[in-house]
C-alpha cells in the first residue's frame, strides 16, 4: 500500500487511474493495457506488467468496480484470469485541501504463478511504488 498527496484535483487523478486502456502510456512498468469491456460501473481490463530479466512479463485480466461521488472515487479490482494466483487491489482518490489536491491510496495484493526473486519483490516496494506515484502526479497535472 502507498498513500500520497497529489497536487491535482480528484477529477484529474481519476481520469488517469480509471482509464486502464491508457495505463501503458501513463503509468510506469506497464508493457500493454486494454479495456476489454465497460458495463455500468464494472470495467474489465487486461494489463501486462513489464518485469525485469529473468522473470517473464505478467498479464492479468481483472474486473473492477468504479464508484464516484462527492466524497471521492474508487476503483477496486479482482483477478479474472492471468499469470497470478491472485491480483486484487484498489485506487482511492479523495479531495484534499478543499479539492485543490487529492489524497490517493493505492493497495495491491498479488501473488504471481511464477516465482519472483526477493530482489525484484523488494524493488517493487522500494522503487516501483514511488515511481508509480511520481508518474501519477505528472499525468494528473496534464489532465
N, C-alpha and C. Protein backbone atom coordinates (compact mmCIF):
# COMPACT_ATOMS: atom_id res chain seq x y z
N UNK A 1 0.85 -1.17 0.00
CA UNK A 1 0.00 0.00 0.00
C UNK A 1 0.89 1.23 0.00
N UNK A 2 0.44 2.22 -0.74
CA UNK A 2 1.10 3.53 -0.72
C UNK A 2 0.01 4.59 -0.68
N UNK A 3 0.28 5.64 0.09
CA UNK A 3 -0.66 6.75 0.20
C UNK A 3 0.14 8.02 -0.05
N UNK A 4 -0.43 8.94 -0.85
CA UNK A 4 0.29 10.15 -1.20
C UNK A 4 -0.67 11.30 -1.48
N UNK A 5 -0.14 12.50 -1.36
CA UNK A 5 -0.86 13.70 -1.77
C UNK A 5 -0.45 13.99 -3.21
N UNK A 6 -1.43 14.21 -4.06
CA UNK A 6 -1.18 14.60 -5.45
C UNK A 6 -1.75 16.01 -5.60
N UNK A 7 -0.93 16.93 -6.06
CA UNK A 7 -1.33 18.34 -6.16
C UNK A 7 -2.16 18.60 -7.42
N UNK A 8 -3.16 17.78 -7.62
CA UNK A 8 -4.13 17.93 -8.71
C UNK A 8 -5.49 17.60 -8.14
N UNK A 9 -6.56 18.19 -8.70
CA UNK A 9 -7.90 17.87 -8.20
C UNK A 9 -8.25 16.39 -8.41
N UNK A 10 -9.14 15.86 -7.59
CA UNK A 10 -9.52 14.45 -7.72
C UNK A 10 -9.98 14.06 -9.13
N UNK A 11 -10.72 14.92 -9.81
CA UNK A 11 -11.21 14.57 -11.16
C UNK A 11 -10.04 14.32 -12.11
N UNK A 12 -8.96 15.06 -11.97
CA UNK A 12 -7.79 14.87 -12.83
C UNK A 12 -7.08 13.56 -12.53
N UNK A 13 -6.94 13.25 -11.25
CA UNK A 13 -6.31 11.99 -10.85
C UNK A 13 -7.17 10.82 -11.31
N UNK A 14 -8.48 10.96 -11.15
CA UNK A 14 -9.41 9.90 -11.53
C UNK A 14 -9.33 9.60 -13.02
N UNK A 15 -9.13 10.62 -13.84
CA UNK A 15 -9.00 10.39 -15.28
C UNK A 15 -7.85 9.45 -15.59
N UNK A 16 -6.80 9.49 -14.80
CA UNK A 16 -5.65 8.62 -15.01
C UNK A 16 -5.93 7.21 -14.49
N UNK A 17 -6.34 7.09 -13.23
CA UNK A 17 -6.45 5.76 -12.61
C UNK A 17 -7.66 4.97 -13.08
N UNK A 18 -8.67 5.64 -13.61
CA UNK A 18 -9.87 4.92 -14.04
C UNK A 18 -9.81 4.49 -15.50
N UNK A 19 -8.77 4.87 -16.22
CA UNK A 19 -8.68 4.61 -17.66
C UNK A 19 -7.60 3.58 -17.96
N UNK A 20 -7.91 2.30 -17.71
CA UNK A 20 -6.91 1.24 -17.89
C UNK A 20 -6.45 1.10 -19.33
N UNK A 21 -7.24 1.54 -20.28
CA UNK A 21 -6.84 1.44 -21.69
C UNK A 21 -5.56 2.22 -21.96
N UNK A 22 -5.30 3.25 -21.16
CA UNK A 22 -4.12 4.10 -21.38
C UNK A 22 -3.05 3.92 -20.30
N UNK A 23 -3.13 2.89 -19.49
CA UNK A 23 -2.11 2.65 -18.48
C UNK A 23 -0.72 2.54 -19.12
N UNK A 24 -0.64 1.90 -20.28
CA UNK A 24 0.66 1.74 -20.94
C UNK A 24 1.31 3.09 -21.19
N UNK A 25 0.52 4.09 -21.54
CA UNK A 25 1.04 5.41 -21.85
C UNK A 25 1.24 6.27 -20.61
N UNK A 26 0.54 5.96 -19.52
CA UNK A 26 0.50 6.87 -18.38
C UNK A 26 1.12 6.36 -17.08
N UNK A 27 1.35 5.06 -16.98
CA UNK A 27 1.88 4.50 -15.74
C UNK A 27 3.17 3.73 -16.02
N UNK A 28 4.11 3.77 -15.09
CA UNK A 28 5.39 3.07 -15.33
C UNK A 28 5.24 1.56 -15.25
N UNK A 29 6.15 0.87 -15.91
CA UNK A 29 6.26 -0.59 -15.86
C UNK A 29 5.08 -1.32 -16.49
N UNK A 30 4.25 -0.63 -17.26
CA UNK A 30 3.14 -1.27 -17.95
C UNK A 30 3.55 -1.49 -19.41
N UNK A 31 3.63 -2.75 -19.81
CA UNK A 31 4.05 -3.09 -21.17
C UNK A 31 2.88 -3.05 -22.15
N UNK A 32 1.67 -3.34 -21.68
CA UNK A 32 0.48 -3.32 -22.53
C UNK A 32 -0.75 -3.15 -21.65
N UNK A 33 -1.78 -2.50 -22.22
CA UNK A 33 -3.02 -2.32 -21.47
C UNK A 33 -4.19 -2.17 -22.43
N UNK A 34 -5.33 -2.69 -22.02
CA UNK A 34 -6.54 -2.60 -22.84
C UNK A 34 -7.77 -2.68 -21.94
N UNK A 35 -8.78 -1.90 -22.28
CA UNK A 35 -10.08 -2.04 -21.65
C UNK A 35 -10.86 -3.03 -22.49
N UNK A 36 -11.27 -4.13 -21.89
CA UNK A 36 -11.98 -5.18 -22.63
C UNK A 36 -13.48 -4.94 -22.65
N UNK A 37 -14.03 -4.39 -21.57
CA UNK A 37 -15.46 -4.08 -21.55
C UNK A 37 -15.75 -3.09 -20.43
N UNK A 38 -16.89 -2.41 -20.58
CA UNK A 38 -17.38 -1.48 -19.57
C UNK A 38 -18.89 -1.59 -19.58
N UNK A 39 -19.45 -2.09 -18.48
CA UNK A 39 -20.88 -2.24 -18.34
C UNK A 39 -21.27 -1.59 -17.01
N UNK A 40 -21.91 -0.45 -17.08
CA UNK A 40 -22.23 0.28 -15.86
C UNK A 40 -20.97 0.68 -15.13
N UNK A 41 -20.88 0.27 -13.86
CA UNK A 41 -19.73 0.59 -13.03
C UNK A 41 -18.65 -0.49 -13.07
N UNK A 42 -18.85 -1.52 -13.89
CA UNK A 42 -17.91 -2.64 -13.96
C UNK A 42 -17.04 -2.52 -15.20
N UNK A 43 -15.72 -2.52 -14.99
CA UNK A 43 -14.76 -2.35 -16.08
C UNK A 43 -13.81 -3.54 -16.06
N UNK A 44 -13.70 -4.22 -17.20
CA UNK A 44 -12.80 -5.35 -17.34
C UNK A 44 -11.58 -4.90 -18.14
N UNK A 45 -10.41 -5.15 -17.60
CA UNK A 45 -9.16 -4.69 -18.21
C UNK A 45 -8.16 -5.83 -18.32
N UNK A 46 -7.27 -5.68 -19.29
CA UNK A 46 -6.12 -6.57 -19.41
C UNK A 46 -4.87 -5.71 -19.34
N UNK A 47 -4.01 -6.02 -18.39
CA UNK A 47 -2.80 -5.23 -18.17
C UNK A 47 -1.62 -6.17 -18.06
N UNK A 48 -0.54 -5.83 -18.79
CA UNK A 48 0.71 -6.59 -18.74
C UNK A 48 1.77 -5.73 -18.07
N UNK A 49 2.35 -6.25 -17.00
CA UNK A 49 3.40 -5.56 -16.27
C UNK A 49 4.75 -6.04 -16.80
N UNK A 50 5.62 -5.08 -17.14
CA UNK A 50 6.97 -5.39 -17.61
C UNK A 50 7.82 -5.79 -16.42
N UNK A 51 8.35 -6.98 -16.46
CA UNK A 51 9.19 -7.50 -15.37
C UNK A 51 10.64 -7.52 -15.82
N UNK A 52 11.56 -7.31 -14.89
CA UNK A 52 12.98 -7.37 -15.25
C UNK A 52 13.43 -8.82 -15.47
N UNK A 53 14.46 -8.98 -16.29
CA UNK A 53 15.06 -10.29 -16.50
C UNK A 53 15.48 -10.84 -15.15
N UNK A 54 15.25 -12.07 -14.86
CA UNK A 54 14.87 -13.19 -15.71
C UNK A 54 13.38 -13.53 -15.67
N UNK A 55 12.57 -12.71 -15.07
CA UNK A 55 11.14 -13.00 -14.93
C UNK A 55 10.39 -12.55 -16.18
N UNK A 56 9.47 -13.38 -16.66
CA UNK A 56 8.64 -13.02 -17.81
C UNK A 56 7.61 -11.96 -17.39
N UNK A 57 7.18 -11.16 -18.36
CA UNK A 57 6.11 -10.19 -18.09
C UNK A 57 4.89 -10.91 -17.55
N UNK A 58 4.10 -10.20 -16.75
CA UNK A 58 2.92 -10.78 -16.10
C UNK A 58 1.66 -10.09 -16.61
N UNK A 59 0.70 -10.88 -17.07
CA UNK A 59 -0.55 -10.35 -17.59
C UNK A 59 -1.71 -10.78 -16.72
N UNK A 60 -2.63 -9.84 -16.50
CA UNK A 60 -3.84 -10.15 -15.73
C UNK A 60 -5.05 -9.54 -16.42
N UNK A 61 -6.14 -10.28 -16.41
CA UNK A 61 -7.45 -9.73 -16.75
C UNK A 61 -8.15 -9.54 -15.41
N UNK A 62 -8.57 -8.32 -15.16
CA UNK A 62 -9.23 -8.01 -13.89
C UNK A 62 -10.58 -7.36 -14.15
N UNK A 63 -11.45 -7.51 -13.16
CA UNK A 63 -12.76 -6.87 -13.20
C UNK A 63 -12.79 -5.86 -12.07
N UNK A 64 -13.05 -4.60 -12.42
CA UNK A 64 -13.03 -3.53 -11.43
C UNK A 64 -14.41 -2.90 -11.29
N UNK A 65 -14.69 -2.47 -10.09
CA UNK A 65 -15.89 -1.69 -9.81
C UNK A 65 -15.45 -0.25 -9.59
N UNK A 66 -16.03 0.66 -10.37
CA UNK A 66 -15.74 2.09 -10.24
C UNK A 66 -16.88 2.75 -9.48
N UNK A 67 -16.53 3.49 -8.45
CA UNK A 67 -17.51 4.24 -7.69
C UNK A 67 -17.07 5.70 -7.65
N UNK A 68 -18.03 6.59 -7.93
CA UNK A 68 -17.74 8.02 -7.94
C UNK A 68 -18.79 8.75 -7.14
N UNK A 69 -18.34 9.72 -6.35
CA UNK A 69 -19.25 10.53 -5.58
C UNK A 69 -18.56 11.78 -5.08
N UNK A 70 -19.30 12.66 -4.43
CA UNK A 70 -18.71 13.92 -3.97
C UNK A 70 -17.60 13.71 -2.94
N UNK A 71 -17.63 12.59 -2.23
CA UNK A 71 -16.60 12.30 -1.24
C UNK A 71 -15.35 11.66 -1.81
N UNK A 72 -15.38 11.31 -3.10
CA UNK A 72 -14.21 10.70 -3.73
C UNK A 72 -14.58 9.62 -4.72
N UNK A 73 -13.56 8.97 -5.22
CA UNK A 73 -13.73 7.93 -6.22
C UNK A 73 -12.91 6.71 -5.82
N UNK A 74 -13.35 5.54 -6.28
CA UNK A 74 -12.57 4.33 -6.03
C UNK A 74 -12.69 3.38 -7.20
N UNK A 75 -11.63 2.64 -7.40
CA UNK A 75 -11.56 1.58 -8.40
C UNK A 75 -11.03 0.36 -7.67
N UNK A 76 -11.87 -0.67 -7.50
CA UNK A 76 -11.49 -1.86 -6.76
C UNK A 76 -11.58 -3.06 -7.70
N UNK A 77 -10.48 -3.79 -7.82
CA UNK A 77 -10.46 -4.88 -8.79
C UNK A 77 -10.12 -6.22 -8.16
N UNK A 78 -10.49 -7.27 -8.94
CA UNK A 78 -10.16 -8.64 -8.57
C UNK A 78 -9.77 -9.38 -9.85
N UNK A 79 -8.98 -10.41 -9.69
CA UNK A 79 -8.48 -11.19 -10.81
C UNK A 79 -9.58 -12.02 -11.46
N UNK A 80 -9.62 -12.00 -12.79
CA UNK A 80 -10.48 -12.89 -13.56
C UNK A 80 -9.64 -14.04 -14.12
N UNK A 81 -8.49 -13.69 -14.71
CA UNK A 81 -7.59 -14.71 -15.25
C UNK A 81 -6.21 -14.09 -15.45
N UNK A 82 -5.23 -14.95 -15.66
CA UNK A 82 -3.91 -14.44 -15.96
C UNK A 82 -2.79 -15.18 -15.26
N UNK A 83 -1.66 -14.49 -15.14
CA UNK A 83 -0.42 -15.07 -14.64
C UNK A 83 -0.27 -14.97 -13.12
N UNK A 84 -1.37 -14.88 -12.42
CA UNK A 84 -1.36 -14.71 -10.97
C UNK A 84 -2.26 -15.74 -10.30
N UNK A 85 -1.92 -16.10 -9.07
CA UNK A 85 -2.84 -16.87 -8.24
C UNK A 85 -3.92 -15.93 -7.71
N UNK A 86 -3.50 -14.70 -7.37
CA UNK A 86 -4.46 -13.64 -7.04
C UNK A 86 -3.86 -12.29 -7.36
N UNK A 87 -4.72 -11.37 -7.70
CA UNK A 87 -4.35 -9.99 -8.04
C UNK A 87 -5.55 -9.13 -7.68
N UNK A 88 -5.52 -8.57 -6.51
CA UNK A 88 -6.61 -7.74 -6.01
C UNK A 88 -6.03 -6.40 -5.58
N UNK A 89 -6.80 -5.36 -5.75
CA UNK A 89 -6.29 -4.07 -5.32
C UNK A 89 -7.31 -2.97 -5.50
N UNK A 90 -6.85 -1.75 -5.25
CA UNK A 90 -7.74 -0.60 -5.39
C UNK A 90 -6.95 0.69 -5.51
N UNK A 91 -7.60 1.65 -6.13
CA UNK A 91 -7.21 3.05 -6.11
C UNK A 91 -8.33 3.79 -5.39
N UNK A 92 -8.00 4.65 -4.47
CA UNK A 92 -8.97 5.52 -3.84
C UNK A 92 -8.46 6.95 -3.97
N UNK A 93 -9.33 7.84 -4.42
CA UNK A 93 -8.97 9.25 -4.63
C UNK A 93 -10.00 10.10 -3.89
N UNK A 94 -9.53 10.88 -2.91
CA UNK A 94 -10.45 11.73 -2.16
C UNK A 94 -9.93 13.17 -2.18
N UNK A 95 -10.85 14.12 -2.11
CA UNK A 95 -10.44 15.53 -2.10
C UNK A 95 -9.56 15.85 -0.89
N UNK A 96 -8.59 16.71 -1.12
CA UNK A 96 -7.68 17.16 -0.08
C UNK A 96 -7.48 18.66 -0.27
N UNK A 97 -7.33 19.38 0.81
CA UNK A 97 -7.20 20.84 0.75
C UNK A 97 -8.35 21.48 -0.04
N UNK A 98 -9.57 21.09 0.34
CA UNK A 98 -10.74 21.68 -0.31
C UNK A 98 -10.94 21.25 -1.75
N UNK A 99 -10.27 20.19 -2.18
CA UNK A 99 -10.43 19.69 -3.54
C UNK A 99 -9.39 20.20 -4.50
N UNK A 100 -8.48 21.07 -4.04
CA UNK A 100 -7.40 21.55 -4.91
C UNK A 100 -6.35 20.46 -5.13
N UNK A 101 -6.30 19.52 -4.20
CA UNK A 101 -5.37 18.40 -4.28
C UNK A 101 -6.14 17.12 -3.98
N UNK A 102 -5.43 15.99 -4.04
CA UNK A 102 -6.06 14.69 -3.82
C UNK A 102 -5.22 13.86 -2.86
N UNK A 103 -5.91 13.13 -2.01
CA UNK A 103 -5.27 12.10 -1.20
C UNK A 103 -5.52 10.79 -1.93
N UNK A 104 -4.45 10.14 -2.36
CA UNK A 104 -4.54 8.94 -3.18
C UNK A 104 -4.00 7.75 -2.39
N UNK A 105 -4.76 6.67 -2.40
CA UNK A 105 -4.32 5.42 -1.78
C UNK A 105 -4.35 4.33 -2.84
N UNK A 106 -3.22 3.63 -2.97
CA UNK A 106 -3.10 2.50 -3.89
C UNK A 106 -2.80 1.27 -3.06
N UNK A 107 -3.64 0.25 -3.20
CA UNK A 107 -3.45 -1.01 -2.49
C UNK A 107 -3.32 -2.12 -3.53
N UNK A 108 -2.40 -3.03 -3.28
CA UNK A 108 -2.20 -4.14 -4.19
C UNK A 108 -1.81 -5.37 -3.40
N UNK A 109 -2.48 -6.50 -3.70
CA UNK A 109 -2.17 -7.78 -3.09
C UNK A 109 -2.11 -8.79 -4.23
N UNK A 110 -0.89 -9.18 -4.59
CA UNK A 110 -0.70 -10.08 -5.73
C UNK A 110 0.20 -11.26 -5.35
N UNK A 111 -0.03 -12.33 -6.08
CA UNK A 111 0.87 -13.49 -6.00
C UNK A 111 0.96 -14.06 -7.41
N UNK A 112 2.09 -13.81 -8.08
CA UNK A 112 2.27 -14.39 -9.41
C UNK A 112 2.36 -15.90 -9.34
N UNK A 113 1.97 -16.55 -10.44
CA UNK A 113 2.06 -18.01 -10.51
C UNK A 113 3.51 -18.47 -10.59
N UNK A 114 4.38 -17.59 -11.03
CA UNK A 114 5.79 -17.92 -11.14
C UNK A 114 6.55 -17.34 -9.95
N UNK A 115 7.66 -17.94 -9.61
CA UNK A 115 8.48 -17.44 -8.51
C UNK A 115 9.13 -16.12 -8.92
N UNK A 116 9.10 -15.16 -8.02
CA UNK A 116 9.74 -13.86 -8.25
C UNK A 116 10.86 -13.71 -7.23
N UNK A 117 12.09 -13.52 -7.70
CA UNK A 117 13.21 -13.38 -6.77
C UNK A 117 13.00 -12.25 -5.76
N UNK A 118 13.54 -12.42 -4.57
CA UNK A 118 13.36 -11.44 -3.49
C UNK A 118 13.83 -10.05 -3.90
N UNK A 119 14.92 -9.94 -4.67
CA UNK A 119 15.42 -8.62 -5.04
C UNK A 119 14.42 -7.87 -5.92
N UNK A 120 13.63 -8.59 -6.71
CA UNK A 120 12.60 -7.95 -7.54
C UNK A 120 11.42 -7.54 -6.68
N UNK A 121 11.00 -8.40 -5.76
CA UNK A 121 9.91 -8.03 -4.84
C UNK A 121 10.28 -6.80 -4.03
N UNK A 122 11.50 -6.76 -3.53
CA UNK A 122 11.95 -5.60 -2.75
C UNK A 122 11.98 -4.35 -3.60
N UNK A 123 12.45 -4.46 -4.84
CA UNK A 123 12.48 -3.31 -5.73
C UNK A 123 11.08 -2.78 -5.99
N UNK A 124 10.12 -3.68 -6.10
CA UNK A 124 8.73 -3.26 -6.34
C UNK A 124 8.24 -2.38 -5.19
N UNK A 125 8.58 -2.75 -3.99
CA UNK A 125 8.13 -1.98 -2.83
C UNK A 125 8.93 -0.70 -2.65
N UNK A 126 10.23 -0.75 -2.89
CA UNK A 126 11.09 0.39 -2.61
C UNK A 126 11.21 1.38 -3.75
N UNK A 127 11.08 0.92 -5.00
CA UNK A 127 11.26 1.81 -6.13
C UNK A 127 10.02 1.94 -7.00
N UNK A 128 9.37 0.83 -7.31
CA UNK A 128 8.25 0.87 -8.26
C UNK A 128 7.07 1.66 -7.71
N UNK A 129 6.75 1.51 -6.43
CA UNK A 129 5.61 2.27 -5.89
C UNK A 129 5.88 3.77 -5.86
N UNK A 130 7.05 4.23 -5.40
CA UNK A 130 7.32 5.67 -5.51
C UNK A 130 7.32 6.16 -6.96
N UNK A 131 7.84 5.34 -7.89
CA UNK A 131 7.81 5.70 -9.32
C UNK A 131 6.37 5.85 -9.80
N UNK A 132 5.49 4.96 -9.35
CA UNK A 132 4.09 4.99 -9.73
C UNK A 132 3.45 6.32 -9.30
N UNK A 133 3.69 6.72 -8.06
CA UNK A 133 3.10 7.97 -7.56
C UNK A 133 3.71 9.17 -8.28
N UNK A 134 5.00 9.15 -8.53
CA UNK A 134 5.63 10.26 -9.25
C UNK A 134 5.03 10.41 -10.64
N UNK A 135 4.82 9.31 -11.32
CA UNK A 135 4.25 9.37 -12.67
C UNK A 135 2.79 9.79 -12.62
N UNK A 136 2.04 9.33 -11.61
CA UNK A 136 0.65 9.73 -11.44
C UNK A 136 0.57 11.24 -11.27
N UNK A 137 1.49 11.81 -10.50
CA UNK A 137 1.49 13.27 -10.31
C UNK A 137 1.68 14.00 -11.64
N UNK A 138 2.59 13.53 -12.45
CA UNK A 138 2.85 14.15 -13.76
C UNK A 138 1.63 14.02 -14.66
N UNK A 139 1.08 12.82 -14.74
CA UNK A 139 -0.06 12.59 -15.65
C UNK A 139 -1.30 13.32 -15.20
N UNK A 140 -1.58 13.37 -13.90
CA UNK A 140 -2.75 14.07 -13.40
C UNK A 140 -2.63 15.58 -13.67
N UNK A 141 -1.43 16.11 -13.60
CA UNK A 141 -1.22 17.53 -13.87
C UNK A 141 -1.52 17.87 -15.34
N UNK A 142 -1.42 16.88 -16.22
CA UNK A 142 -1.69 17.09 -17.65
C UNK A 142 -3.17 17.05 -17.98
N UNK A 143 -3.98 16.51 -17.09
CA UNK A 143 -5.41 16.34 -17.37
C UNK A 143 -6.19 17.64 -17.27
